[in-house]
Amino acid sequence: MRLFIALPVTRRCREQIWGLSQRLQKWDPQARWERPEKLHLTLAFLGEQPDERAAREALSRMKGREFALTFSHLGRFPGERGDVIFLRPQQSPPLMGLQKQLAQEVEQEGIFLEKRPFSPHITLARRGKKEVSWERLPLSPLMLPVRTLSLMESIPSPGGTSYRTLHQIHLEE
């Protein structure tokens, strides 16, 4: 099973992001724009796991309070076949603390995360044009309430990857 733990995007925020994506598509209609149901912010990519038990156990020990993220910048990760275009949240100590705690909890279960720094984002498109200055395009702030953490399975198929929620926990109000 290919697993990750993510912040789900609320329906309202998903609609706002989808509207933004549709407006951005004029800059690069050939990019692979993510479908609204796939939008999320990955906290920890767990990779291939024999089952979900260890990840579920780690997730069950998570403690934290609800908070909100504000997204006000576009960004890009360079790639050989085109850039990944994403929304980047403003600095958030609660988000960074939550991700750090999660990394510790999954490592206690014997799941070791990549050593690269955590770079929070919501992917909007893949294979984006390198010629577009995505970071300079104007963007109205979007708010994402963070209330739950989700253990997700990534299911590849010829038509593209889909995600399935396996378990969720709710943060304290």
Foldseek 3Di string as FASTA:
>chain_A
DFKFKWFDFDPVLLVVLVVVLVVCCVVPVPWAFDDSQAWTKTLFGQGDDPDCVLVVQLQVPQAAAKDKWKWWFWDWDDDPQAIFIWTATDDDPRSVVRSVSSQVSSVVSVGHTDPDDDGITITGTPSHDPPDPRRPDGGDMGMGIGFKMFMWDWDQDPVGIDIDTDDMDTYHD
